[in-house]
C-alpha atoms as a PDB file:
ATOM      1  CA  MET A   1     100.671  83.819  97.853  1.00  0.00           C
ATOM      2  CA  SER A   2     104.285  84.685  98.425  1.00  0.00           C
ATOM      3  CA  LYS A   3     105.046  85.848  95.040  1.00  0.00           C
ATOM      4  CA  LYS A   4     104.983  89.249  92.971  1.00  0.00           C
ATOM      5  CA  THR A   5     102.570  88.862  90.075  1.00  0.00           C
ATOM      6  CA  PHE A   6     104.165  91.046  87.934  1.00  0.00           C
ATOM      7  CA  THR A   7     107.935  91.443  87.003  1.00  0.00           C
ATOM      8  CA  ALA A   8     109.841  94.744  86.452  1.00  0.00           C
ATOM      9  CA  GLN A   9     109.613  94.287  82.823  1.00  0.00           C
ATOM     10  CA  ASP A  10     105.980  93.669  82.955  1.00  0.00           C
ATOM     11  CA  ILE A  11     105.417  97.083  84.510  1.00  0.00           C
ATOM     12  CA  GLU A  12     107.572  98.747  82.223  1.00  0.00           C
ATOM     13  CA  ASP A  13     105.531  97.130  79.327  1.00  0.00           C
ATOM     14  CA  TYR A  14     102.344  98.076  80.921  1.00  0.00           C
ATOM     15  CA  ILE A  15     103.200 101.780  81.329  1.00  0.00           C
ATOM     16  CA  THR A  16     104.555 101.991  77.671  1.00  0.00           C
ATOM     17  CA  GLU A  17     101.085 100.729  76.597  1.00  0.00           C
ATOM     18  CA  TYR A  18      99.237 102.616  78.989  1.00  0.00           C
ATOM     19  CA  ARG A  19     100.783 105.765  77.328  1.00  0.00           C
ATOM     20  CA  ALA A  20     100.538 104.753  73.921  1.00  0.00           C
ATOM     21  CA  THR A  21      96.839 104.287  74.307  1.00  0.00           C
ATOM     22  CA  GLY A  22      95.841 107.012  76.333  1.00  0.00           C
ATOM     23  CA  GLY A  23      95.175 105.165  79.478  1.00  0.00           C
ATOM     24  CA  LYS A  24      93.301 102.260  77.582  1.00  0.00           C
ATOM     25  CA  PRO A  25      95.834  99.274  77.211  1.00  0.00           C
ATOM     26  CA  THR A  26      94.234  96.204  75.198  1.00  0.00           C
ATOM     27  CA  GLY A  27      95.014  92.548  75.000  1.00  0.00           C
ATOM     28  CA  ARG A  28      97.020  91.156  78.195  1.00  0.00           C
ATOM     29  CA  PHE A  29      96.938  94.355  79.641  1.00  0.00           C
ATOM     30  CA  SER A  30      93.188  95.147  79.541  1.00  0.00           C
ATOM     31  CA  GLY A  31      91.257  95.060  82.395  1.00  0.00           C
ATOM     32  CA  PRO A  32      90.461  97.162  85.646  1.00  0.00           C
ATOM     33  CA  THR A  33      90.462 100.993  85.348  1.00  0.00           C
ATOM     34  CA  ARG A  34      94.052 102.192  86.284  1.00  0.00           C
ATOM     35  CA  LEU A  35      96.150 104.913  86.667  1.00  0.00           C
ATOM     36  CA  LEU A  36      99.973 105.368  86.899  1.00  0.00           C
ATOM     37  CA  LEU A  37     101.113 106.652  90.261  1.00  0.00           C
ATOM     38  CA  HIS A  38     104.378 108.917  90.420  1.00  0.00           C
ATOM     39  CA  SER A  39     105.208 108.282  94.270  1.00  0.00           C
ATOM     40  CA  GLY A  40     108.734 109.732  94.484  1.00  0.00           C
ATOM     41  CA  HIS A  41     112.024 108.380  93.435  1.00  0.00           C
ATOM     42  CA  ASP A  42     113.953 104.860  94.128  1.00  0.00           C
ATOM     43  CA  ALA A  43     117.094 104.803  95.644  1.00  0.00           C
ATOM     44  CA  ASP A  44     118.774 105.064  92.267  1.00  0.00           C
ATOM     45  CA  GLY A  45     117.049 108.121  91.603  1.00  0.00           C
ATOM     46  CA  LYS A  46     114.877 107.053  88.811  1.00  0.00           C
ATOM     47  CA  PRO A  47     111.329 108.118  89.347  1.00  0.00           C
ATOM     48  CA  HIS A  48     109.048 105.366  90.794  1.00  0.00           C
ATOM     49  CA  ILE A  49     105.973 104.632  88.850  1.00  0.00           C
ATOM     50  CA  VAL A  50     103.383 101.884  89.537  1.00  0.00           C
ATOM     51  CA  PRO A  51     100.367 101.176  87.743  1.00  0.00           C
ATOM     52  CA  LEU A  52      97.446 100.862  90.232  1.00  0.00           C
ATOM     53  CA  SER A  53      93.680  99.615  89.727  1.00  0.00           C
ATOM     54  CA  TYR A  54      91.461 102.454  91.389  1.00  0.00           C
ATOM     55  CA  PHE A  55      87.716 102.933  92.421  1.00  0.00           C
ATOM     56  CA  ALA A  56      85.988 106.252  92.001  1.00  0.00           C
ATOM     57  CA  ASP A  57      84.669 107.318  95.489  1.00  0.00           C
ATOM     58  CA  ALA A  58      81.048 108.050  94.815  1.00  0.00           C
ATOM     59  CA  ASP A  59      80.905 110.257  98.086  1.00  0.00           C
ATOM     60  CA  ALA A  60      83.800 112.394  97.438  1.00  0.00           C
ATOM     61  CA  ASP A  61      85.837 114.068  94.686  1.00  0.00           C
ATOM     62  CA  ARG A  62      88.857 111.608  94.959  1.00  0.00           C
ATOM     63  CA  CYS A  63      89.295 108.084  93.735  1.00  0.00           C
ATOM     64  CA  VAL A  64      90.610 105.049  96.178  1.00  0.00           C
ATOM     65  CA  VAL A  65      93.410 102.609  95.524  1.00  0.00           C
ATOM     66  CA  LEU A  66      94.363  99.546  97.720  1.00  0.00           C
ATOM     67  CA  ALA A  67      97.730  98.623  98.899  1.00  0.00           C
ATOM     68  CA  ILE A  68      97.476  95.120  98.245  1.00  0.00           C
ATOM     69  CA  ASN A  69     101.193  94.040  97.179  1.00  0.00           C
ATOM     70  CA  ASP A  70      99.793  90.732  96.087  1.00  0.00           C
ATOM     71  CA  GLY A  71      99.215  89.528  99.705  1.00  0.00           C
ATOM     72  CA  LEU A  72     102.461  89.824 100.995  1.00  0.00           C
ATOM     73  CA  ASP A  73     103.027  90.839 104.441  1.00  0.00           C
ATOM     74  CA  GLU A  74     104.810  93.973 103.892  1.00  0.00           C
ATOM     75  CA  ASP A  75     103.021  97.201 102.334  1.00  0.00           C
ATOM     76  CA  PRO A  76     103.944  98.128  99.020  1.00  0.00           C
ATOM     77  CA  ARG A  77     106.867 100.472  98.158  1.00  0.00           C
ATOM     78  CA  TRP A  78     104.626 103.058  96.829  1.00  0.00           C
ATOM     79  CA  LEU A  79     102.626 103.280 100.046  1.00  0.00           C
ATOM     80  CA  ARG A  80     105.814 103.900 101.900  1.00  0.00           C
ATOM     81  CA  HIS A  81     106.721 106.851  99.559  1.00  0.00           C
ATOM     82  CA  LEU A  82     103.122 108.131 100.110  1.00  0.00           C
ATOM     83  CA  ARG A  83     103.466 107.921 103.817  1.00  0.00           C
ATOM     84  CA  ALA A  84     106.718 110.274 103.647  1.00  0.00           C
ATOM     85  CA  HIS A  85     105.486 112.409 100.957  1.00  0.00           C
ATOM     86  CA  PRO A  86     101.570 112.596 100.288  1.00  0.00           C
ATOM     87  CA  GLU A  87     101.619 115.021  97.565  1.00  0.00           C
ATOM     88  CA  VAL A  88     101.926 113.023  94.185  1.00  0.00           C
ATOM     89  CA  THR A  89     101.186 113.197  90.533  1.00  0.00           C
ATOM     90  CA  ALA A  90      99.614 110.539  88.645  1.00  0.00           C
ATOM     91  CA  GLU A  91      98.365 109.906  84.946  1.00  0.00           C
ATOM     92  CA  ILE A  92      94.979 109.115  84.612  1.00  0.00           C
ATOM     93  CA  GLY A  93      94.034 108.524  80.917  1.00  0.00           C
ATOM     94  CA  SER A  94      95.923 111.003  78.945  1.00  0.00           C
ATOM     95  CA  ASP A  95      95.799 113.661  81.806  1.00  0.00           C
ATOM     96  CA  THR A  96      98.497 114.237  84.513  1.00  0.00           C
ATOM     97  CA  VAL A  97      97.082 115.588  87.625  1.00  0.00           C
ATOM     98  CA  ARG A  98      98.026 116.408  91.208  1.00  0.00           C
ATOM     99  CA  LEU A  99      96.780 114.391  94.152  1.00  0.00           C
ATOM    100  CA  THR A 100      97.125 114.425  97.896  1.00  0.00           C
ATOM    101  CA  ALA A 101      97.208 110.881  99.494  1.00  0.00           C
ATOM    102  CA  THR A 102      95.374 109.925 102.683  1.00  0.00           C
ATOM    103  CA  GLU A 103      95.341 106.651 104.190  1.00  0.00           C
ATOM    104  CA  ILE A 104      91.901 105.427 105.450  1.00  0.00           C
ATOM    105  CA  HIS A 105      91.402 103.786 108.350  1.00  0.00           C
ATOM    106  CA  GLY A 106      88.832 102.210 110.710  1.00  0.00           C
ATOM    107  CA  ALA A 107      85.154 101.507 109.735  1.00  0.00           C
ATOM    108  CA  GLU A 108      85.622 103.493 106.520  1.00  0.00           C
ATOM    109  CA  ARG A 109      88.525 101.408 105.270  1.00  0.00           C
ATOM    110  CA  ASP A 110      86.381  98.262 105.856  1.00  0.00           C
ATOM    111  CA  ALA A 111      83.581  99.560 104.123  1.00  0.00           C
ATOM    112  CA  ILE A 112      85.468 100.669 101.066  1.00  0.00           C
ATOM    113  CA  TYR A 113      87.355  97.333 101.295  1.00  0.00           C
ATOM    114  CA  ALA A 114      84.235  95.041 101.591  1.00  0.00           C
ATOM    115  CA  ARG A 115      82.395  97.189  98.788  1.00  0.00           C
ATOM    116  CA  HIS A 116      85.265  96.598  96.162  1.00  0.00           C
ATOM    117  CA  ALA A 117      85.549  92.912  97.316  1.00  0.00           C
ATOM    118  CA  GLU A 118      81.665  92.240  96.246  1.00  0.00           C
ATOM    119  CA  THR A 119      82.785  93.075  92.944  1.00  0.00           C
ATOM    120  CA  PHE A 120      86.186  91.883  93.057  1.00  0.00           C
ATOM    121  CA  PRO A 121      86.381  88.601  94.843  1.00  0.00           C
ATOM    122  CA  VAL A 122      89.950  88.178  94.848  1.00  0.00           C
ATOM    123  CA  LEU A 123      90.462  91.271  97.394  1.00  0.00           C
ATOM    124  CA  LEU A 124      89.164  88.885  99.848  1.00  0.00           C
ATOM    125  CA  THR A 125      92.029  86.275  98.926  1.00  0.00           C
ATOM    126  CA  PHE A 126      94.703  89.099  99.031  1.00  0.00           C
ATOM    127  CA  GLN A 127      93.327  90.039 102.539  1.00  0.00           C
ATOM    128  CA  SER A 128      93.380  86.493 103.856  1.00  0.00           C
ATOM    129  CA  ALA A 129      96.928  85.786 102.415  1.00  0.00           C
ATOM    130  CA  THR A 130      98.688  88.312 104.710  1.00  0.00           C
ATOM    131  CA  THR A 131      98.902  89.140 108.287  1.00  0.00           C
ATOM    132  CA  ARG A 132      98.589  92.935 107.684  1.00  0.00           C
ATOM    133  CA  VAL A 133      95.337  95.150 107.383  1.00  0.00           C
ATOM    134  CA  ILE A 134      95.626  96.207 103.366  1.00  0.00           C
ATOM    135  CA  PRO A 135      95.599  99.830 103.781  1.00  0.00           C
ATOM    136  CA  VAL A 136      93.280 101.863 101.507  1.00  0.00           C
ATOM    137  CA  VAL A 137      94.369 105.175 100.282  1.00  0.00           C
ATOM    138  CA  ALA A 138      92.354 108.253  99.259  1.00  0.00           C
ATOM    139  CA  LEU A 139      93.935 110.436  96.165  1.00  0.00           C
ATOM    140  CA  ALA A 140      92.199 113.773  96.131  1.00  0.00           C
ATOM    141  CA  PRO A 141      92.936 116.183  93.444  1.00  0.00           C
ATOM    142  CA  THR A 142      94.981 119.428  94.353  1.00  0.00           C
ATOM    143  CA  GLY A 143      95.165 120.633  90.669  1.00  0.00           C
ATOM    144  CA  SER A 144      96.481 119.948  86.984  1.00  0.00           C
ATOM    145  CA  ALA A 145     100.624 118.852  87.164  1.00  0.00           C
END
């Protein structure tokens, strides 16, 4: 796995449909529960917005995202943004919320990743395609945006 799955145009189209459907895209964009993470700004000053699959964390008032980056050996840009500025906003359905990002490590990270890989076995493929441990990030609400 050395190639990105989605083009910039695919992502732009997804964001448009996500917003038009209140977070419930259809057709080629239907699938897992996703949010639109606003993780800062790109070098050109444009907001960096990325659709991410997320999992509700049954043990806490937070959701969890995985920094898969299609199994590439580098972390995704949005994770680098979160590490520098963990206070972010996200669109979840038709709501915009403020969140605080916290990277999860060790046994807790491993348990979360394994639990979600049981439901989505492709996660094991992504992990085996890279030399890095795919980061797991908790997003906890801090209020309305």
